[in-house]
Amino acid sequence: EEEEVKLLMSAGSAHSMSCSLALLEKGVKFEAVEVILSGTSDVERLNPVFKQVPVLIHRGKAISDFQVILDYIEEAWPPSDTTPALLPASAYDRSVARFWANFASNKVALSPFSSSLQATPLHRFHPFCF
């Protein structure tokens, strides 16, 4: 039985792209649903607190907030011989990855120049970066 996985996203959203990259990295088959926030979209219904993308729908349940989604992806599809971990094994290396993810999310993604930085190596550093 194939499980339903949808990602409501916007192509211009770095957070949406991070969630998409995490699903791809895990090898999860999902439907990417491009949404336009209009006040009547599924996003407002499924994420009534923040009313923003991304929203992950897994088995009919909605998960919102990109960091929560990334954590959910890691837990729902745990590392195995065929599925990579999103974060390094060592606690120290995970802390470094989280530091840079936080930096990128709070400093780079909020920068007026962030759209020109999306293709930089920092963006490809880790799905947790944005």
C-alpha atoms as a PDB file:
ATOM      1  CA  GLU A   1       0.000   0.000   0.000  1.00  0.00           C
ATOM      2  CA  GLU A   2       1.438   3.341  -1.082  1.00  0.00           C
ATOM      3  CA  GLU A   3       1.252   6.077   1.535  1.00  0.00           C
ATOM      4  CA  GLU A   4       0.057   9.553   0.641  1.00  0.00           C
ATOM      5  CA  VAL A   5       2.724  12.217   0.986  1.00  0.00           C
ATOM      6  CA  LYS A   6       2.109  15.747  -0.273  1.00  0.00           C
ATOM      7  CA  LEU A   7       4.146  18.872   0.227  1.00  0.00           C
ATOM      8  CA  LEU A   8       2.268  22.147  -0.130  1.00  0.00           C
ATOM      9  CA  MET A   9       4.952  24.571  -1.165  1.00  0.00           C
ATOM     10  CA  SER A  10       5.986  27.646  -3.054  1.00  0.00           C
ATOM     11  CA  ALA A  11       8.895  27.605  -5.493  1.00  0.00           C
ATOM     12  CA  GLY A  12      10.160  30.892  -4.049  1.00  0.00           C
ATOM     13  CA  SER A  13      10.229  29.577  -0.488  1.00  0.00           C
ATOM     14  CA  ALA A  14      13.619  28.392   0.760  1.00  0.00           C
ATOM     15  CA  HIS A  15      11.855  26.560   3.593  1.00  0.00           C
ATOM     16  CA  SER A  16       9.712  24.691   1.054  1.00  0.00           C
ATOM     17  CA  MET A  17      12.807  23.780  -0.921  1.00  0.00           C
ATOM     18  CA  SER A  18      14.522  22.431   2.203  1.00  0.00           C
ATOM     19  CA  CYS A  19      11.580  20.162   2.971  1.00  0.00           C
ATOM     20  CA  SER A  20      11.484  19.013  -0.651  1.00  0.00           C
ATOM     21  CA  LEU A  21      15.230  18.275  -0.582  1.00  0.00           C
ATOM     22  CA  ALA A  22      14.856  16.306   2.655  1.00  0.00           C
ATOM     23  CA  LEU A  23      12.096  14.149   1.137  1.00  0.00           C
ATOM     24  CA  LEU A  24      14.175  13.585  -1.989  1.00  0.00           C
ATOM     25  CA  GLU A  25      17.253  12.730   0.105  1.00  0.00           C
ATOM     26  CA  LYS A  26      15.210  10.163   2.032  1.00  0.00           C
ATOM     27  CA  GLY A  27      13.866   8.693  -1.222  1.00  0.00           C
ATOM     28  CA  VAL A  28      10.261   9.461  -0.283  1.00  0.00           C
ATOM     29  CA  LYS A  29       7.821   9.600  -3.173  1.00  0.00           C
ATOM     30  CA  PHE A  30       5.711  12.709  -2.740  1.00  0.00           C
ATOM     31  CA  GLU A  31       3.479  15.069  -4.642  1.00  0.00           C
ATOM     32  CA  ALA A  32       4.718  18.656  -4.673  1.00  0.00           C
ATOM     33  CA  VAL A  33       1.693  20.950  -4.713  1.00  0.00           C
ATOM     34  CA  GLU A  34       2.485  24.531  -5.701  1.00  0.00           C
ATOM     35  CA  VAL A  35       0.143  26.888  -3.863  1.00  0.00           C
ATOM     36  CA  ILE A  36      -0.646  30.550  -4.095  1.00  0.00           C
ATOM     37  CA  LEU A  37      -1.631  32.016  -0.747  1.00  0.00           C
ATOM     38  CA  SER A  38      -4.999  33.585  -1.376  1.00  0.00           C
ATOM     39  CA  GLY A  39      -6.920  33.458   1.884  1.00  0.00           C
ATOM     40  CA  THR A  40      -8.887  30.456   0.661  1.00  0.00           C
ATOM     41  CA  SER A  41      -6.112  27.980  -0.107  1.00  0.00           C
ATOM     42  CA  ASP A  42      -5.557  24.667   1.656  1.00  0.00           C
ATOM     43  CA  VAL A  43      -2.600  26.250   3.447  1.00  0.00           C
ATOM     44  CA  GLU A  44      -4.841  28.570   5.491  1.00  0.00           C
ATOM     45  CA  ARG A  45      -7.039  25.593   6.453  1.00  0.00           C
ATOM     46  CA  LEU A  46      -4.165  23.170   7.185  1.00  0.00           C
ATOM     47  CA  ASN A  47      -1.845  25.714   8.839  1.00  0.00           C
ATOM     48  CA  PRO A  48      -4.276  28.140  10.498  1.00  0.00           C
ATOM     49  CA  VAL A  49      -1.705  29.532  12.952  1.00  0.00           C
ATOM     50  CA  PHE A  50       0.989  30.688  10.503  1.00  0.00           C
ATOM     51  CA  LYS A  51      -0.931  30.446   7.183  1.00  0.00           C
ATOM     52  CA  GLN A  52       2.275  29.788   5.267  1.00  0.00           C
ATOM     53  CA  VAL A  53       4.101  27.092   3.363  1.00  0.00           C
ATOM     54  CA  PRO A  54       5.477  24.540   3.635  1.00  0.00           C
ATOM     55  CA  VAL A  55       2.852  22.096   4.888  1.00  0.00           C
ATOM     56  CA  LEU A  56       3.539  18.361   4.748  1.00  0.00           C
ATOM     57  CA  ILE A  57       0.576  16.009   4.496  1.00  0.00           C
ATOM     58  CA  HIS A  58       1.356  12.444   5.484  1.00  0.00           C
ATOM     59  CA  ARG A  59      -1.389   9.828   5.832  1.00  0.00           C
ATOM     60  CA  GLY A  60      -4.001  12.590   5.846  1.00  0.00           C
ATOM     61  CA  LYS A  61      -2.400  14.540   8.707  1.00  0.00           C
ATOM     62  CA  ALA A  62      -0.936  18.020   8.229  1.00  0.00           C
ATOM     63  CA  ILE A  63       2.440  19.020   9.668  1.00  0.00           C
ATOM     64  CA  SER A  64       3.510  22.669   9.475  1.00  0.00           C
ATOM     65  CA  ASP A  65       6.588  24.763  10.246  1.00  0.00           C
ATOM     66  CA  PHE A  66       9.608  23.762   8.217  1.00  0.00           C
ATOM     67  CA  GLN A  67      11.793  22.747  11.173  1.00  0.00           C
ATOM     68  CA  VAL A  68       9.007  20.577  12.584  1.00  0.00           C
ATOM     69  CA  ILE A  69       8.541  19.068   9.107  1.00  0.00           C
ATOM     70  CA  LEU A  70      12.257  18.270   8.822  1.00  0.00           C
ATOM     71  CA  ASP A  71      12.236  16.616  12.248  1.00  0.00           C
ATOM     72  CA  TYR A  72       9.094  14.676  11.272  1.00  0.00           C
ATOM     73  CA  ILE A  73      10.700  13.474   8.032  1.00  0.00           C
ATOM     74  CA  GLU A  74      13.716  12.185   9.973  1.00  0.00           C
ATOM     75  CA  GLU A  75      11.448  10.333  12.431  1.00  0.00           C
ATOM     76  CA  ALA A  76       8.875   9.022   9.932  1.00  0.00           C
ATOM     77  CA  TRP A  77      11.593   7.707   7.597  1.00  0.00           C
ATOM     78  CA  PRO A  78      14.428   6.841  10.002  1.00  0.00           C
ATOM     79  CA  PRO A  79      17.957   6.179   8.804  1.00  0.00           C
ATOM     80  CA  SER A  80      18.584   2.650   7.564  1.00  0.00           C
ATOM     81  CA  ASP A  81      20.794   0.823   5.087  1.00  0.00           C
ATOM     82  CA  THR A  82      18.743   2.353   2.271  1.00  0.00           C
ATOM     83  CA  THR A  83      17.663   5.658   3.856  1.00  0.00           C
ATOM     84  CA  PRO A  84      20.266   8.274   4.817  1.00  0.00           C
ATOM     85  CA  ALA A  85      20.144  10.357   7.974  1.00  0.00           C
ATOM     86  CA  LEU A  86      19.510  14.065   7.502  1.00  0.00           C
ATOM     87  CA  LEU A  87      21.906  14.926  10.304  1.00  0.00           C
ATOM     88  CA  PRO A  88      25.345  13.506  11.172  1.00  0.00           C
ATOM     89  CA  ALA A  89      25.666  10.699  13.745  1.00  0.00           C
ATOM     90  CA  SER A  90      27.835  12.582  16.239  1.00  0.00           C
ATOM     91  CA  ALA A  91      26.177  14.979  18.687  1.00  0.00           C
ATOM     92  CA  TYR A  92      28.860  17.597  18.040  1.00  0.00           C
ATOM     93  CA  ASP A  93      28.462  17.395  14.257  1.00  0.00           C
ATOM     94  CA  ARG A  94      24.660  17.641  14.638  1.00  0.00           C
ATOM     95  CA  SER A  95      25.134  20.775  16.752  1.00  0.00           C
ATOM     96  CA  VAL A  96      27.334  22.304  14.037  1.00  0.00           C
ATOM     97  CA  ALA A  97      24.746  21.479  11.355  1.00  0.00           C
ATOM     98  CA  ARG A  98      21.985  22.989  13.508  1.00  0.00           C
ATOM     99  CA  PHE A  99      24.080  26.102  14.166  1.00  0.00           C
ATOM    100  CA  TRP A 100      24.510  26.721  10.425  1.00  0.00           C
ATOM    101  CA  ALA A 101      20.872  25.870   9.755  1.00  0.00           C
ATOM    102  CA  ASN A 102      19.811  28.425  12.346  1.00  0.00           C
ATOM    103  CA  PHE A 103      22.255  30.986  10.972  1.00  0.00           C
ATOM    104  CA  ALA A 104      21.039  30.475   7.415  1.00  0.00           C
ATOM    105  CA  SER A 105      17.396  30.586   8.414  1.00  0.00           C
ATOM    106  CA  ASN A 106      17.661  33.666  10.622  1.00  0.00           C
ATOM    107  CA  LYS A 107      20.367  35.636   8.841  1.00  0.00           C
ATOM    108  CA  VAL A 108      20.607  34.570   5.206  1.00  0.00           C
ATOM    109  CA  ALA A 109      16.967  33.696   4.482  1.00  0.00           C
ATOM    110  CA  LEU A 110      15.822  37.018   5.941  1.00  0.00           C
ATOM    111  CA  SER A 111      18.376  39.021   4.001  1.00  0.00           C
ATOM    112  CA  PRO A 112      17.100  41.203   1.138  1.00  0.00           C
ATOM    113  CA  PHE A 113      19.710  39.427  -0.977  1.00  0.00           C
ATOM    114  CA  SER A 114      18.612  35.899  -0.012  1.00  0.00           C
ATOM    115  CA  SER A 115      17.067  35.123  -3.394  1.00  0.00           C
ATOM    116  CA  SER A 116      20.492  35.543  -4.988  1.00  0.00           C
ATOM    117  CA  LEU A 117      22.070  33.265  -2.360  1.00  0.00           C
ATOM    118  CA  GLN A 118      19.814  30.243  -2.883  1.00  0.00           C
ATOM    119  CA  ALA A 119      22.231  28.560  -5.271  1.00  0.00           C
ATOM    120  CA  THR A 120      25.291  29.044  -3.069  1.00  0.00           C
ATOM    121  CA  PRO A 121      27.078  26.124  -1.383  1.00  0.00           C
ATOM    122  CA  LEU A 122      25.554  27.199   1.951  1.00  0.00           C
ATOM    123  CA  HIS A 123      22.093  26.406   0.580  1.00  0.00           C
ATOM    124  CA  ARG A 124      23.326  22.952  -0.417  1.00  0.00           C
ATOM    125  CA  PHE A 125      25.099  22.436   2.923  1.00  0.00           C
ATOM    126  CA  HIS A 126      22.163  20.610   4.427  1.00  0.00           C
ATOM    127  CA  PRO A 127      18.361  20.479   4.108  1.00  0.00           C
ATOM    128  CA  PHE A 128      18.183  21.876   7.637  1.00  0.00           C
ATOM    129  CA  CYS A 129      19.848  25.092   6.419  1.00  0.00           C
ATOM    130  CA  PHE A 130      16.614  26.816   5.399  1.00  0.00           C
END
